[in-house]
Amino acid sequence: MFRTKIAIEKMQVGEVLTVLADDPASEDDISKWVNRTGHELLSMNKNDNVIEFTIKKVK
């Protein structure tokens, strides 16, 4: 989660970040964080034990 926050802070508005996570709790954690911070969760895909999040920096 911390690395996701740092990466988003370094990006320009409109850029898209892909995050790969293997912790099942990340599904809830990242979804809540995106809503709380005002960014946009473009997609979330599960493939075996890996969850891929695509997040757009909105502000």
C-alpha atoms as a PDB file:
ATOM      1  CA  MET A   1       0.000   0.000   0.000  1.00  0.00           C
ATOM      2  CA  PHE A   2       2.801   2.402   0.913  1.00  0.00           C
ATOM      3  CA  ARG A   3       4.551   1.896  -2.435  1.00  0.00           C
ATOM      4  CA  THR A   4       1.268   2.503  -4.276  1.00  0.00           C
ATOM      5  CA  LYS A   5       0.809   5.828  -2.469  1.00  0.00           C
ATOM      6  CA  ILE A   6       4.374   6.935  -3.254  1.00  0.00           C
ATOM      7  CA  ALA A   7       4.032   5.950  -6.924  1.00  0.00           C
ATOM      8  CA  ILE A   8       0.744   7.856  -7.316  1.00  0.00           C
ATOM      9  CA  GLU A   9       2.261  10.969  -5.683  1.00  0.00           C
ATOM     10  CA  LYS A  10       5.045  11.002  -8.310  1.00  0.00           C
ATOM     11  CA  MET A  11       2.606  10.733 -11.244  1.00  0.00           C
ATOM     12  CA  GLN A  12       0.823  13.421 -13.225  1.00  0.00           C
ATOM     13  CA  VAL A  13      -2.973  13.715 -13.196  1.00  0.00           C
ATOM     14  CA  GLY A  14      -4.422  11.389 -15.825  1.00  0.00           C
ATOM     15  CA  GLU A  15      -1.611   8.843 -15.674  1.00  0.00           C
ATOM     16  CA  VAL A  16      -2.426   5.203 -14.961  1.00  0.00           C
ATOM     17  CA  LEU A  17      -0.676   2.911 -12.486  1.00  0.00           C
ATOM     18  CA  THR A  18      -0.804  -0.896 -12.513  1.00  0.00           C
ATOM     19  CA  VAL A  19      -0.339  -2.566  -9.132  1.00  0.00           C
ATOM     20  CA  LEU A  20       0.219  -6.301  -8.607  1.00  0.00           C
ATOM     21  CA  ALA A  21      -0.534  -7.739  -5.173  1.00  0.00           C
ATOM     22  CA  ASP A  22      -0.575 -11.230  -3.708  1.00  0.00           C
ATOM     23  CA  ASP A  23      -2.189 -10.368  -0.367  1.00  0.00           C
ATOM     24  CA  PRO A  24      -5.940 -11.120  -0.396  1.00  0.00           C
ATOM     25  CA  ALA A  25      -6.517  -8.149   1.953  1.00  0.00           C
ATOM     26  CA  SER A  26      -5.191  -5.796  -0.721  1.00  0.00           C
ATOM     27  CA  GLU A  27      -8.460  -6.096  -2.643  1.00  0.00           C
ATOM     28  CA  ASP A  28     -10.341  -4.331   0.146  1.00  0.00           C
ATOM     29  CA  ASP A  29      -7.437  -2.077   1.194  1.00  0.00           C
ATOM     30  CA  ILE A  30      -6.713  -0.650  -2.256  1.00  0.00           C
ATOM     31  CA  SER A  31     -10.394  -0.261  -3.147  1.00  0.00           C
ATOM     32  CA  LYS A  32     -11.022   1.751   0.032  1.00  0.00           C
ATOM     33  CA  TRP A  33      -7.841   3.803  -0.422  1.00  0.00           C
ATOM     34  CA  VAL A  34      -8.785   4.724  -4.013  1.00  0.00           C
ATOM     35  CA  ASN A  35     -12.227   5.886  -2.882  1.00  0.00           C
ATOM     36  CA  ARG A  36     -10.810   7.815   0.080  1.00  0.00           C
ATOM     37  CA  THR A  37      -8.166   9.613  -1.986  1.00  0.00           C
ATOM     38  CA  GLY A  38     -10.411  10.387  -4.965  1.00  0.00           C
ATOM     39  CA  HIS A  39      -8.533   8.413  -7.595  1.00  0.00           C
ATOM     40  CA  GLU A  40     -10.268   6.056 -10.039  1.00  0.00           C
ATOM     41  CA  LEU A  41     -10.028   2.271  -9.929  1.00  0.00           C
ATOM     42  CA  LEU A  42     -10.233   1.393 -13.618  1.00  0.00           C
ATOM     43  CA  SER A  43     -10.057  -2.367 -13.139  1.00  0.00           C
ATOM     44  CA  MET A  44      -9.266  -5.148 -10.721  1.00  0.00           C
ATOM     45  CA  ASN A  45      -8.472  -8.621 -12.061  1.00  0.00           C
ATOM     46  CA  LYS A  46      -7.648 -11.792 -10.168  1.00  0.00           C
ATOM     47  CA  ASN A  47      -5.340 -14.355 -11.721  1.00  0.00           C
ATOM     48  CA  ASP A  48      -4.516 -17.262  -9.414  1.00  0.00           C
ATOM     49  CA  ASN A  49      -2.991 -15.653  -6.296  1.00  0.00           C
ATOM     50  CA  VAL A  50      -2.233 -12.292  -7.921  1.00  0.00           C
ATOM     51  CA  ILE A  51      -4.593  -9.329  -8.014  1.00  0.00           C
ATOM     52  CA  GLU A  52      -3.920  -6.660 -10.647  1.00  0.00           C
ATOM     53  CA  PHE A  53      -5.260  -3.153  -9.998  1.00  0.00           C
ATOM     54  CA  THR A  54      -5.315  -0.403 -12.608  1.00  0.00           C
ATOM     55  CA  ILE A  55      -5.586   3.013 -10.954  1.00  0.00           C
ATOM     56  CA  LYS A  56      -5.949   6.402 -12.650  1.00  0.00           C
ATOM     57  CA  LYS A  57      -4.619   9.469 -10.844  1.00  0.00           C
ATOM     58  CA  VAL A  58      -7.481  11.950 -10.820  1.00  0.00           C
ATOM     59  CA  LYS A  59      -6.164  14.756  -8.624  1.00  0.00           C
END
